[in-house]
N, C-alpha and C. Protein backbone atom coordinates (compact mmCIF):
# COMPACT_ATOMS: atom_id res chain seq x y z
N MET A 1 108.73 108.57 48.90
CA MET A 1 108.78 109.85 48.30
C MET A 1 110.13 110.15 47.86
N LYS A 2 110.27 110.63 46.29
CA LYS A 2 111.57 111.07 45.70
C LYS A 2 111.97 112.43 46.17
N ASP A 3 113.08 112.47 46.17
CA ASP A 3 113.72 113.61 46.84
C ASP A 3 113.89 114.68 45.72
N LYS A 4 112.73 115.38 45.11
CA LYS A 4 112.62 115.96 43.92
C LYS A 4 113.85 117.02 43.88
N PHE A 5 114.29 117.68 45.03
CA PHE A 5 115.34 118.88 44.96
C PHE A 5 116.48 118.22 45.37
N GLN A 6 116.99 117.08 45.67
CA GLN A 6 118.42 116.37 46.32
C GLN A 6 118.60 117.03 47.47
N ILE A 7 117.79 117.32 48.38
CA ILE A 7 118.26 118.00 49.65
C ILE A 7 118.19 117.24 50.78
N VAL A 8 117.78 116.21 50.83
CA VAL A 8 117.22 114.96 52.12
C VAL A 8 118.58 115.21 52.68
N GLY A 9 118.83 115.35 53.86
CA GLY A 9 119.96 114.81 54.56
C GLY A 9 121.01 116.00 54.60
N THR A 10 120.57 117.25 54.08
CA THR A 10 121.85 118.16 53.82
C THR A 10 121.47 119.15 55.14
N LYS A 11 123.04 119.73 55.47
CA LYS A 11 122.55 120.77 56.80
C LYS A 11 122.16 121.62 56.28
N ILE A 12 121.10 122.40 57.14
CA ILE A 12 120.51 123.73 56.74
C ILE A 12 121.31 124.82 57.58
N GLN A 13 120.86 126.34 57.16
CA GLN A 13 121.66 127.02 57.79
C GLN A 13 120.86 127.33 59.25
N GLU A 14 121.56 127.82 60.14
CA GLU A 14 121.51 128.03 61.68
C GLU A 14 120.43 128.89 61.75
N PHE A 15 119.27 128.42 62.56
CA PHE A 15 118.19 129.67 62.85
C PHE A 15 117.62 129.23 64.04
N SER A 16 116.91 130.23 64.77
CA SER A 16 116.14 129.86 66.07
C SER A 16 114.77 130.38 66.05
N LEU A 17 113.93 129.81 66.57
CA LEU A 17 112.60 130.10 66.66
C LEU A 17 111.83 129.92 67.98
N PRO A 18 110.86 130.66 68.44
CA PRO A 18 110.32 130.53 69.64
C PRO A 18 109.57 129.03 70.03
N ASP A 19 109.74 128.38 71.20
CA ASP A 19 109.17 127.36 71.27
C ASP A 19 107.94 127.61 72.61
N SER A 20 107.43 126.06 72.60
CA SER A 20 105.86 126.67 73.23
C SER A 20 106.09 126.89 74.53
N ARG A 21 107.28 126.90 75.27
CA ARG A 21 107.46 127.14 76.84
C ARG A 21 108.07 128.83 76.93
N GLY A 22 107.85 129.76 75.59
CA GLY A 22 108.29 130.91 76.13
C GLY A 22 109.98 131.01 75.61
N GLY A 23 110.83 130.03 75.57
CA GLY A 23 112.17 130.21 75.53
C GLY A 23 112.26 130.38 73.60
N VAL A 24 113.70 130.04 73.45
CA VAL A 24 114.00 130.03 72.21
C VAL A 24 114.73 128.75 71.55
N LEU A 25 114.61 128.19 71.02
CA LEU A 25 115.00 126.83 70.42
C LEU A 25 116.09 127.36 69.21
N ASN A 26 117.06 126.77 69.24
CA ASN A 26 117.96 126.88 68.03
C ASN A 26 118.17 125.68 67.28
N ILE A 27 118.43 125.46 66.00
CA ILE A 27 118.35 124.26 65.37
C ILE A 27 119.67 123.20 65.76
N ARG A 28 120.76 123.94 65.73
CA ARG A 28 121.69 123.55 66.45
C ARG A 28 121.81 122.42 67.67
N ALA A 29 120.86 123.14 68.41
CA ALA A 29 120.77 122.35 69.57
C ALA A 29 120.13 120.94 69.65
N LEU A 30 119.58 120.82 68.37
CA LEU A 30 118.90 119.24 68.16
C LEU A 30 119.68 118.52 67.29
N GLU A 31 120.73 119.27 66.57
CA GLU A 31 121.94 118.31 65.90
C GLU A 31 122.25 116.93 66.57
N GLY A 32 122.12 115.87 65.88
CA GLY A 32 122.67 114.58 66.51
C GLY A 32 121.94 114.10 67.62
N LYS A 33 120.80 114.70 68.09
CA LYS A 33 120.14 114.12 69.08
C LYS A 33 118.33 114.00 68.57
N LYS A 34 117.91 114.50 67.44
CA LYS A 34 116.84 114.38 67.09
C LYS A 34 116.91 114.71 65.51
N LYS A 35 115.63 113.78 65.02
CA LYS A 35 115.53 114.20 63.26
C LYS A 35 114.48 115.14 63.46
N VAL A 36 114.97 116.31 62.36
CA VAL A 36 114.29 117.38 62.36
C VAL A 36 113.79 117.53 60.58
N VAL A 37 112.38 117.73 60.65
CA VAL A 37 111.79 118.04 59.29
C VAL A 37 111.52 119.51 59.34
N VAL A 38 111.78 120.08 58.20
CA VAL A 38 111.31 121.79 58.07
C VAL A 38 110.52 121.74 57.13
N ILE A 39 109.50 122.32 57.05
CA ILE A 39 108.29 122.44 56.11
C ILE A 39 108.26 123.85 55.95
N LEU A 40 108.18 124.48 54.89
CA LEU A 40 108.19 125.89 54.55
C LEU A 40 106.84 126.15 53.85
N PHE A 41 106.20 126.99 53.86
CA PHE A 41 104.84 127.40 53.52
C PHE A 41 104.99 128.69 52.78
N ARG A 42 104.41 128.73 51.56
CA ARG A 42 104.25 130.07 50.72
C ARG A 42 102.75 130.55 50.53
N ASN A 43 102.92 131.94 50.71
CA ASN A 43 101.43 132.47 50.45
C ASN A 43 100.05 131.95 51.36
N ILE A 44 100.30 131.70 52.77
CA ILE A 44 99.11 131.46 53.37
C ILE A 44 98.54 132.25 53.87
N LYS A 45 96.95 132.46 53.42
CA LYS A 45 96.58 133.60 54.16
C LYS A 45 95.32 133.05 55.11
């Protein structure tokens, strides 16, 4: 798949999300340990 927006491999802004265990996961906690794919959806109803 071609990287249409040329953003593959770029560092994203820091953010945190709730995890499935009731805690909070910060994206930087995964840096250098895991590969992360971020998918953003618009207008989901």
